[in-house]
Amino acid sequence: MRLTTFLAALALPAVLSPSSAPAYEMPYDPYPWCAVYSGDAGGASNCGFLTIEQCRATVSGIGGFCEPNQFYNPRGAAARAQKRAPR
């Protein structure tokens, strides 16, 4: 029993130690704004806008609002360019 406890105590810091590697790489999503439609579209969304003005023009007259894209990740292009360079 003591040997098992001792081995578990040795293994625990290795398991719980912080890692510098992310759990997964965020996908590239260059569009920072989403339109959330109301009315007949009832909650449908479109996260394909580079500016809030584009988004507002889209929902104007048909109802809805604009919100920040929670998956916006502008760094994807730089990461891809770095991966291609070593060839």
PDB file of N, CA and C in Angstrom:
ATOM      1  N   MET A   1       0.823  -1.188   0.000  1.00  0.00           N
ATOM      2  CA  MET A   1       0.000   0.000   0.000  1.00  0.00           C
ATOM      3  C   MET A   1       0.874   1.261   0.000  1.00  0.00           C
ATOM      4  N   ARG A   2       1.922   1.270   0.793  1.00  0.00           N
ATOM      5  CA  ARG A   2       2.784   2.449   0.851  1.00  0.00           C
ATOM      6  C   ARG A   2       3.502   2.667  -0.483  1.00  0.00           C
ATOM      7  N   LEU A   3       3.910   1.570  -1.143  1.00  0.00           N
ATOM      8  CA  LEU A   3       4.588   1.693  -2.428  1.00  0.00           C
ATOM      9  C   LEU A   3       3.655   2.321  -3.471  1.00  0.00           C
ATOM     10  N   THR A   4       2.400   1.914  -3.485  1.00  0.00           N
ATOM     11  CA  THR A   4       1.418   2.464  -4.412  1.00  0.00           C
ATOM     12  C   THR A   4       1.205   3.950  -4.146  1.00  0.00           C
ATOM     13  N   THR A   5       1.088   4.325  -2.898  1.00  0.00           N
ATOM     14  CA  THR A   5       0.908   5.730  -2.531  1.00  0.00           C
ATOM     15  C   THR A   5       2.131   6.545  -2.939  1.00  0.00           C
ATOM     16  N   PHE A   6       3.316   5.991  -2.721  1.00  0.00           N
ATOM     17  CA  PHE A   6       4.548   6.666  -3.078  1.00  0.00           C
ATOM     18  C   PHE A   6       4.643   6.867  -4.588  1.00  0.00           C
ATOM     19  N   LEU A   7       4.324   5.846  -5.364  1.00  0.00           N
ATOM     20  CA  LEU A   7       4.366   5.959  -6.827  1.00  0.00           C
ATOM     21  C   LEU A   7       3.325   6.959  -7.338  1.00  0.00           C
ATOM     22  N   ALA A   8       2.160   6.964  -6.730  1.00  0.00           N
ATOM     23  CA  ALA A   8       1.124   7.921  -7.123  1.00  0.00           C
ATOM     24  C   ALA A   8       1.569   9.347  -6.830  1.00  0.00           C
ATOM     25  N   ALA A   9       2.232   9.542  -5.704  1.00  0.00           N
ATOM     26  CA  ALA A   9       2.727  10.870  -5.348  1.00  0.00           C
ATOM     27  C   ALA A   9       3.811  11.333  -6.319  1.00  0.00           C
ATOM     28  N   LEU A  10       4.612  10.412  -6.836  1.00  0.00           N
ATOM     29  CA  LEU A  10       5.628  10.775  -7.820  1.00  0.00           C
ATOM     30  C   LEU A  10       5.015  11.110  -9.181  1.00  0.00           C
ATOM     31  N   ALA A  11       3.983  10.399  -9.551  1.00  0.00           N
ATOM     32  CA  ALA A  11       3.370  10.576 -10.865  1.00  0.00           C
ATOM     33  C   ALA A  11       2.453  11.794 -10.921  1.00  0.00           C
ATOM     34  N   LEU A  12       1.887  12.198  -9.821  1.00  0.00           N
ATOM     35  CA  LEU A  12       0.918  13.289  -9.804  1.00  0.00           C
ATOM     36  C   LEU A  12       1.473  14.608 -10.341  1.00  0.00           C
ATOM     37  N   PRO A  13       2.666  15.073  -9.933  1.00  0.00           N
ATOM     38  CA  PRO A  13       3.167  16.335 -10.505  1.00  0.00           C
ATOM     39  C   PRO A  13       3.382  16.270 -12.016  1.00  0.00           C
ATOM     40  N   ALA A  14       3.768  15.141 -12.535  1.00  0.00           N
ATOM     41  CA  ALA A  14       3.972  15.012 -13.979  1.00  0.00           C
ATOM     42  C   ALA A  14       2.647  15.113 -14.730  1.00  0.00           C
ATOM     43  N   VAL A  15       1.604  14.577 -14.163  1.00  0.00           N
ATOM     44  CA  VAL A  15       0.286  14.605 -14.792  1.00  0.00           C
ATOM     45  C   VAL A  15      -0.325  15.996 -14.708  1.00  0.00           C
ATOM     46  N   LEU A  16      -0.130  16.683 -13.601  1.00  0.00           N
ATOM     47  CA  LEU A  16      -0.756  17.972 -13.382  1.00  0.00           C
ATOM     48  C   LEU A  16       0.083  19.163 -13.825  1.00  0.00           C
ATOM     49  N   SER A  17       1.288  18.921 -14.305  1.00  0.00           N
ATOM     50  CA  SER A  17       2.146  20.037 -14.688  1.00  0.00           C
ATOM     51  C   SER A  17       1.560  20.758 -15.900  1.00  0.00           C
ATOM     52  N   PRO A  18       1.654  22.086 -15.906  1.00  0.00           N
ATOM     53  CA  PRO A  18       1.102  22.836 -17.041  1.00  0.00           C
ATOM     54  C   PRO A  18       1.908  22.585 -18.313  1.00  0.00           C
ATOM     55  N   SER A  19       1.208  22.590 -19.405  1.00  0.00           N
ATOM     56  CA  SER A  19       1.832  22.353 -20.700  1.00  0.00           C
ATOM     57  C   SER A  19       1.824  23.647 -21.509  1.00  0.00           C
ATOM     58  N   SER A  20       2.865  23.870 -22.280  1.00  0.00           N
ATOM     59  CA  SER A  20       2.902  25.055 -23.130  1.00  0.00           C
ATOM     60  C   SER A  20       2.142  24.822 -24.435  1.00  0.00           C
ATOM     61  N   ALA A  21       1.825  23.589 -24.754  1.00  0.00           N
ATOM     62  CA  ALA A  21       1.100  23.278 -25.987  1.00  0.00           C
ATOM     63  C   ALA A  21      -0.401  23.408 -25.749  1.00  0.00           C
ATOM     64  N   PRO A  22      -1.130  24.065 -26.669  1.00  0.00           N
ATOM     65  CA  PRO A  22      -2.579  24.161 -26.513  1.00  0.00           C
ATOM     66  C   PRO A  22      -3.236  22.803 -26.751  1.00  0.00           C
ATOM     67  N   ALA A  23      -4.419  22.629 -26.204  1.00  0.00           N
ATOM     68  CA  ALA A  23      -5.149  21.376 -26.373  1.00  0.00           C
ATOM     69  C   ALA A  23      -5.485  21.138 -27.847  1.00  0.00           C
ATOM     70  N   TYR A  24      -5.770  22.200 -28.567  1.00  0.00           N
ATOM     71  CA  TYR A  24      -6.035  22.120 -30.004  1.00  0.00           C
ATOM     72  C   TYR A  24      -5.770  23.491 -30.604  1.00  0.00           C
ATOM     73  N   GLU A  25      -5.543  23.517 -31.886  1.00  0.00           N
ATOM     74  CA  GLU A  25      -5.303  24.783 -32.566  1.00  0.00           C
ATOM     75  C   GLU A  25      -6.626  25.367 -33.018  1.00  0.00           C
ATOM     76  N   MET A  26      -6.838  26.634 -32.714  1.00  0.00           N
ATOM     77  CA  MET A  26      -8.072  27.292 -33.115  1.00  0.00           C
ATOM     78  C   MET A  26      -8.113  27.410 -34.638  1.00  0.00           C
ATOM     79  N   PRO A  27      -9.260  27.122 -35.243  1.00  0.00           N
ATOM     80  CA  PRO A  27      -9.357  27.265 -36.692  1.00  0.00           C
ATOM     81  C   PRO A  27      -9.297  28.735 -37.103  1.00  0.00           C
ATOM     82  N   TYR A  28      -8.865  28.970 -38.307  1.00  0.00           N
ATOM     83  CA  TYR A  28      -8.762  30.326 -38.835  1.00  0.00           C
ATOM     84  C   TYR A  28     -10.149  30.845 -39.165  1.00  0.00           C
ATOM     85  N   ASP A  29     -10.531  31.960 -38.555  1.00  0.00           N
ATOM     86  CA  ASP A  29     -11.812  32.604 -38.835  1.00  0.00           C
ATOM     87  C   ASP A  29     -11.569  34.107 -38.927  1.00  0.00           C
ATOM     88  N   PRO A  30     -11.475  34.658 -40.132  1.00  0.00           N
ATOM     89  CA  PRO A  30     -11.083  36.056 -40.297  1.00  0.00           C
ATOM     90  C   PRO A  30     -12.217  37.071 -40.139  1.00  0.00           C
ATOM     91  N   TYR A  31     -13.428  36.631 -39.840  1.00  0.00           N
ATOM     92  CA  TYR A  31     -14.571  37.544 -39.814  1.00  0.00           C
ATOM     93  C   TYR A  31     -14.974  37.880 -38.375  1.00  0.00           C
ATOM     94  N   PRO A  32     -14.769  39.156 -37.968  1.00  0.00           N
ATOM     95  CA  PRO A  32     -15.026  39.516 -36.577  1.00  0.00           C
ATOM     96  C   PRO A  32     -16.478  39.829 -36.233  1.00  0.00           C
ATOM     97  N   TRP A  33     -17.380  39.910 -37.210  1.00  0.00           N
ATOM     98  CA  TRP A  33     -18.760  40.301 -36.919  1.00  0.00           C
ATOM     99  C   TRP A  33     -19.780  39.288 -37.417  1.00  0.00           C
ATOM    100  N   CYS A  34     -20.836  39.104 -36.624  1.00  0.00           N
ATOM    101  CA  CYS A  34     -21.942  38.201 -36.968  1.00  0.00           C
ATOM    102  C   CYS A  34     -23.252  38.973 -36.995  1.00  0.00           C
ATOM    103  N   ALA A  35     -24.097  38.629 -37.949  1.00  0.00           N
ATOM    104  CA  ALA A  35     -25.462  39.152 -37.999  1.00  0.00           C
ATOM    105  C   ALA A  35     -26.372  38.072 -37.419  1.00  0.00           C
ATOM    106  N   VAL A  36     -27.220  38.470 -36.480  1.00  0.00           N
ATOM    107  CA  VAL A  36     -28.214  37.560 -35.906  1.00  0.00           C
ATOM    108  C   VAL A  36     -29.564  38.082 -36.365  1.00  0.00           C
ATOM    109  N   TYR A  37     -30.246  37.292 -37.189  1.00  0.00           N
ATOM    110  CA  TYR A  37     -31.481  37.731 -37.826  1.00  0.00           C
ATOM    111  C   TYR A  37     -32.683  37.470 -36.928  1.00  0.00           C
ATOM    112  N   SER A  38     -33.714  38.330 -37.090  1.00  0.00           N
ATOM    113  CA  SER A  38     -34.968  38.124 -36.376  1.00  0.00           C
ATOM    114  C   SER A  38     -36.074  37.960 -37.412  1.00  0.00           C
ATOM    115  N   GLY A  39     -37.311  37.956 -36.978  1.00  0.00           N
ATOM    116  CA  GLY A  39     -38.429  37.803 -37.909  1.00  0.00           C
ATOM    117  C   GLY A  39     -38.536  36.372 -38.399  1.00  0.00           C
ATOM    118  N   ASP A  40     -38.710  36.197 -39.708  1.00  0.00           N
ATOM    119  CA  ASP A  40     -38.880  34.860 -40.285  1.00  0.00           C
ATOM    120  C   ASP A  40     -37.636  33.994 -40.107  1.00  0.00           C
ATOM    121  N   ALA A  41     -36.465  34.612 -40.090  1.00  0.00           N
ATOM    122  CA  ALA A  41     -35.221  33.848 -39.933  1.00  0.00           C
ATOM    123  C   ALA A  41     -35.020  33.416 -38.490  1.00  0.00           C
ATOM    124  N   GLY A  42     -35.689  34.048 -37.547  1.00  0.00           N
ATOM    125  CA  GLY A  42     -35.746  33.673 -36.140  1.00  0.00           C
ATOM    126  C   GLY A  42     -34.500  33.074 -35.508  1.00  0.00           C
ATOM    127  N   GLY A  43     -33.452  33.828 -35.348  1.00  0.00           N
ATOM    128  CA  GLY A  43     -32.264  33.358 -34.651  1.00  0.00           C
ATOM    129  C   GLY A  43     -31.150  32.850 -35.543  1.00  0.00           C
ATOM    130  N   ALA A  44     -31.389  32.819 -36.840  1.00  0.00           N
ATOM    131  CA  ALA A  44     -30.324  32.406 -37.754  1.00  0.00           C
ATOM    132  C   ALA A  44     -29.204  33.431 -37.698  1.00  0.00           C
ATOM    133  N   SER A  45     -27.986  32.998 -37.985  1.00  0.00           N
ATOM    134  CA  SER A  45     -26.863  33.930 -37.937  1.00  0.00           C
ATOM    135  C   SER A  45     -25.936  33.736 -39.131  1.00  0.00           C
ATOM    136  N   ASN A  46     -25.164  34.782 -39.399  1.00  0.00           N
ATOM    137  CA  ASN A  46     -24.188  34.770 -40.483  1.00  0.00           C
ATOM    138  C   ASN A  46     -22.947  35.474 -39.965  1.00  0.00           C
ATOM    139  N   CYS A  47     -21.877  34.744 -39.766  1.00  0.00           N
ATOM    140  CA  CYS A  47     -20.628  35.315 -39.251  1.00  0.00           C
ATOM    141  C   CYS A  47     -19.633  35.512 -40.391  1.00  0.00           C
ATOM    142  N   GLY A  48     -20.002  36.324 -41.364  1.00  0.00           N
ATOM    143  CA  GLY A  48     -19.151  36.525 -42.528  1.00  0.00           C
ATOM    144  C   GLY A  48     -18.913  37.982 -42.837  1.00  0.00           C
ATOM    145  N   PHE A  49     -18.716  38.814 -41.817  1.00  0.00           N
ATOM    146  CA  PHE A  49     -18.562  40.245 -42.040  1.00  0.00           C
ATOM    147  C   PHE A  49     -17.236  40.747 -41.493  1.00  0.00           C
ATOM    148  N   LEU A  50     -16.527  41.513 -42.316  1.00  0.00           N
ATOM    149  CA  LEU A  50     -15.244  42.087 -41.902  1.00  0.00           C
ATOM    150  C   LEU A  50     -15.423  43.354 -41.074  1.00  0.00           C
ATOM    151  N   THR A  51     -16.511  44.098 -41.321  1.00  0.00           N
ATOM    152  CA  THR A  51     -16.752  45.333 -40.568  1.00  0.00           C
ATOM    153  C   THR A  51     -18.162  45.318 -40.002  1.00  0.00           C
ATOM    154  N   ILE A  52     -18.353  46.096 -38.942  1.00  0.00           N
ATOM    155  CA  ILE A  52     -19.689  46.197 -38.360  1.00  0.00           C
ATOM    156  C   ILE A  52     -20.637  46.921 -39.318  1.00  0.00           C
ATOM    157  N   GLU A  53     -20.111  47.800 -40.154  1.00  0.00           N
ATOM    158  CA  GLU A  53     -20.947  48.497 -41.130  1.00  0.00           C
ATOM    159  C   GLU A  53     -21.546  47.518 -42.140  1.00  0.00           C
ATOM    160  N   GLN A  54     -20.758  46.554 -42.606  1.00  0.00           N
ATOM    161  CA  GLN A  54     -21.271  45.520 -43.515  1.00  0.00           C
ATOM    162  C   GLN A  54     -22.398  44.741 -42.844  1.00  0.00           C
ATOM    163  N   CYS A  55     -22.177  44.395 -41.613  1.00  0.00           N
ATOM    164  CA  CYS A  55     -23.174  43.630 -40.863  1.00  0.00           C
ATOM    165  C   CYS A  55     -24.458  44.437 -40.684  1.00  0.00           C
ATOM    166  N   ARG A  56     -24.323  45.695 -40.278  1.00  0.00           N
ATOM    167  CA  ARG A  56     -25.501  46.545 -40.063  1.00  0.00           C
ATOM    168  C   ARG A  56     -26.277  46.771 -41.357  1.00  0.00           C
ATOM    169  N   ALA A  57     -25.579  46.910 -42.470  1.00  0.00           N
ATOM    170  CA  ALA A  57     -26.256  47.082 -43.757  1.00  0.00           C
ATOM    171  C   ALA A  57     -27.057  45.839 -44.113  1.00  0.00           C
ATOM    172  N   THR A  58     -26.568  44.682 -43.741  1.00  0.00           N
ATOM    173  CA  THR A  58     -27.255  43.427 -44.040  1.00  0.00           C
ATOM    174  C   THR A  58     -28.541  43.281 -43.244  1.00  0.00           C
ATOM    175  N   VAL A  59     -28.513  43.603 -41.958  1.00  0.00           N
ATOM    176  CA  VAL A  59     -29.709  43.427 -41.130  1.00  0.00           C
ATOM    177  C   VAL A  59     -30.676  44.602 -41.246  1.00  0.00           C
ATOM    178  N   SER A  60     -30.243  45.694 -41.854  1.00  0.00           N
ATOM    179  CA  SER A  60     -31.103  46.860 -42.016  1.00  0.00           C
ATOM    180  C   SER A  60     -32.310  46.513 -42.878  1.00  0.00           C
ATOM    181  N   GLY A  61     -33.479  46.760 -42.355  1.00  0.00           N
ATOM    182  CA  GLY A  61     -34.707  46.511 -43.105  1.00  0.00           C
ATOM    183  C   GLY A  61     -35.268  45.110 -42.952  1.00  0.00           C
ATOM    184  N   ILE A  62     -34.448  44.132 -42.575  1.00  0.00           N
ATOM    185  CA  ILE A  62     -34.969  42.772 -42.410  1.00  0.00           C
ATOM    186  C   ILE A  62     -35.029  42.373 -40.938  1.00  0.00           C
ATOM    187  N   GLY A  63     -34.430  43.185 -40.088  1.00  0.00           N
ATOM    188  CA  GLY A  63     -34.480  42.917 -38.649  1.00  0.00           C
ATOM    189  C   GLY A  63     -33.318  42.072 -38.186  1.00  0.00           C
ATOM    190  N   GLY A  64     -32.879  42.385 -37.010  1.00  0.00           N
ATOM    191  CA  GLY A  64     -31.774  41.651 -36.431  1.00  0.00           C
ATOM    192  C   GLY A  64     -30.766  42.597 -35.809  1.00  0.00           C
ATOM    193  N   PHE A  65     -29.642  42.049 -35.406  1.00  0.00           N
ATOM    194  CA  PHE A  65     -28.599  42.855 -34.790  1.00  0.00           C
ATOM    195  C   PHE A  65     -27.246  42.232 -35.089  1.00  0.00           C
ATOM    196  N   CYS A  66     -26.195  42.991 -34.800  1.00  0.00           N
ATOM    197  CA  CYS A  66     -24.825  42.524 -35.027  1.00  0.00           C
ATOM    198  C   CYS A  66     -24.146  42.298 -33.692  1.00  0.00           C
ATOM    199  N   GLU A  67     -23.311  41.278 -33.650  1.00  0.00           N
ATOM    200  CA  GLU A  67     -22.554  40.981 -32.438  1.00  0.00           C
ATOM    201  C   GLU A  67     -21.166  40.491 -32.818  1.00  0.00           C
ATOM    202  N   PRO A  68     -20.193  40.615 -31.903  1.00  0.00           N
ATOM    203  CA  PRO A  68     -18.850  40.107 -32.201  1.00  0.00           C
ATOM    204  C   PRO A  68     -18.866  38.587 -32.403  1.00  0.00           C
ATOM    205  N   ASN A  69     -18.078  38.127 -33.331  1.00  0.00           N
ATOM    206  CA  ASN A  69     -17.949  36.697 -33.599  1.00  0.00           C
ATOM    207  C   ASN A  69     -17.113  36.071 -32.488  1.00  0.00           C
ATOM    208  N   GLN A  70     -17.688  35.152 -31.728  1.00  0.00           N
ATOM    209  CA  GLN A  70     -16.973  34.548 -30.610  1.00  0.00           C
ATOM    210  C   GLN A  70     -15.857  33.609 -31.063  1.00  0.00           C
ATOM    211  N   PHE A  71     -15.835  33.260 -32.333  1.00  0.00           N
ATOM    212  CA  PHE A  71     -14.800  32.376 -32.853  1.00  0.00           C
ATOM    213  C   PHE A  71     -13.762  33.115 -33.702  1.00  0.00           C
ATOM    214  N   TYR A  72     -13.804  34.433 -33.664  1.00  0.00           N
ATOM    215  CA  TYR A  72     -12.877  35.253 -34.454  1.00  0.00           C
ATOM    216  C   TYR A  72     -11.434  34.917 -34.072  1.00  0.00           C
ATOM    217  N   ASN A  73     -10.635  34.560 -35.078  1.00  0.00           N
ATOM    218  CA  ASN A  73      -9.234  34.201 -34.861  1.00  0.00           C
ATOM    219  C   ASN A  73      -8.421  34.726 -36.039  1.00  0.00           C
ATOM    220  N   PRO A  74      -7.870  35.938 -35.913  1.00  0.00           N
ATOM    221  CA  PRO A  74      -7.150  36.522 -37.046  1.00  0.00           C
ATOM    222  C   PRO A  74      -5.757  35.965 -37.252  1.00  0.00           C
ATOM    223  N   ARG A  75      -5.242  35.162 -36.337  1.00  0.00           N
ATOM    224  CA  ARG A  75      -3.857  34.695 -36.402  1.00  0.00           C
ATOM    225  C   ARG A  75      -3.661  33.462 -37.270  1.00  0.00           C
ATOM    226  N   GLY A  76      -4.698  32.884 -37.791  1.00  0.00           N
ATOM    227  CA  GLY A  76      -4.573  31.656 -38.556  1.00  0.00           C
ATOM    228  C   GLY A  76      -3.708  31.782 -39.795  1.00  0.00           C
ATOM    229  N   ALA A  77      -3.799  32.896 -40.503  1.00  0.00           N
ATOM    230  CA  ALA A  77      -3.032  33.074 -41.737  1.00  0.00           C
ATOM    231  C   ALA A  77      -1.536  33.116 -41.443  1.00  0.00           C
ATOM    232  N   ALA A  78      -1.124  33.761 -40.377  1.00  0.00           N
ATOM    233  CA  ALA A  78       0.293  33.839 -40.024  1.00  0.00           C
ATOM    234  C   ALA A  78       0.836  32.467 -39.659  1.00  0.00           C
ATOM    235  N   ALA A  79       0.042  31.680 -38.952  1.00  0.00           N
ATOM    236  CA  ALA A  79       0.488  30.333 -38.565  1.00  0.00           C
ATOM    237  C   ALA A  79       0.664  29.455 -39.806  1.00  0.00           C
ATOM    238  N   ARG A  80      -0.231  29.573 -40.759  1.00  0.00           N
ATOM    239  CA  ARG A  80      -0.110  28.787 -41.988  1.00  0.00           C
ATOM    240  C   ARG A  80       1.122  29.193 -42.784  1.00  0.00           C
ATOM    241  N   ALA A  81       1.367  30.489 -42.850  1.00  0.00           N
ATOM    242  CA  ALA A  81       2.523  30.980 -43.604  1.00  0.00           C
ATOM    243  C   ALA A  81       3.827  30.461 -42.992  1.00  0.00           C
ATOM    244  N   GLN A  82       3.899  30.384 -41.684  1.00  0.00           N
ATOM    245  CA  GLN A  82       5.096  29.869 -41.016  1.00  0.00           C
ATOM    246  C   GLN A  82       5.272  28.388 -41.298  1.00  0.00           C
ATOM    247  N   LYS A  83       4.192  27.640 -41.366  1.00  0.00           N
ATOM    248  CA  LYS A  83       4.286  26.215 -41.630  1.00  0.00           C
ATOM    249  C   LYS A  83       4.743  25.938 -43.053  1.00  0.00           C
ATOM    250  N   ARG A  84       4.375  26.777 -44.006  1.00  0.00           N
ATOM    251  CA  ARG A  84       4.746  26.572 -45.411  1.00  0.00           C
ATOM    252  C   ARG A  84       6.200  26.956 -45.698  1.00  0.00           C
ATOM    253  N   ALA A  85       6.734  27.885 -44.947  1.00  0.00           N
ATOM    254  CA  ALA A  85       8.052  28.430 -45.226  1.00  0.00           C
ATOM    255  C   ALA A  85       9.192  27.395 -45.247  1.00  0.00           C
ATOM    256  N   PRO A  86       9.247  26.372 -44.350  1.00  0.00           N
ATOM    257  CA  PRO A  86      10.387  25.458 -44.330  1.00  0.00           C
ATOM    258  C   PRO A  86      10.562  24.608 -45.580  1.00  0.00           C
ATOM    259  N   ARG A  87       9.651  24.552 -46.469  1.00  0.00           N
ATOM    260  CA  ARG A  87       9.779  23.690 -47.659  1.00  0.00           C
ATOM    261  C   ARG A  87      10.953  23.993 -48.434  1.00  0.00           C
TER     262      ARG A  87
END
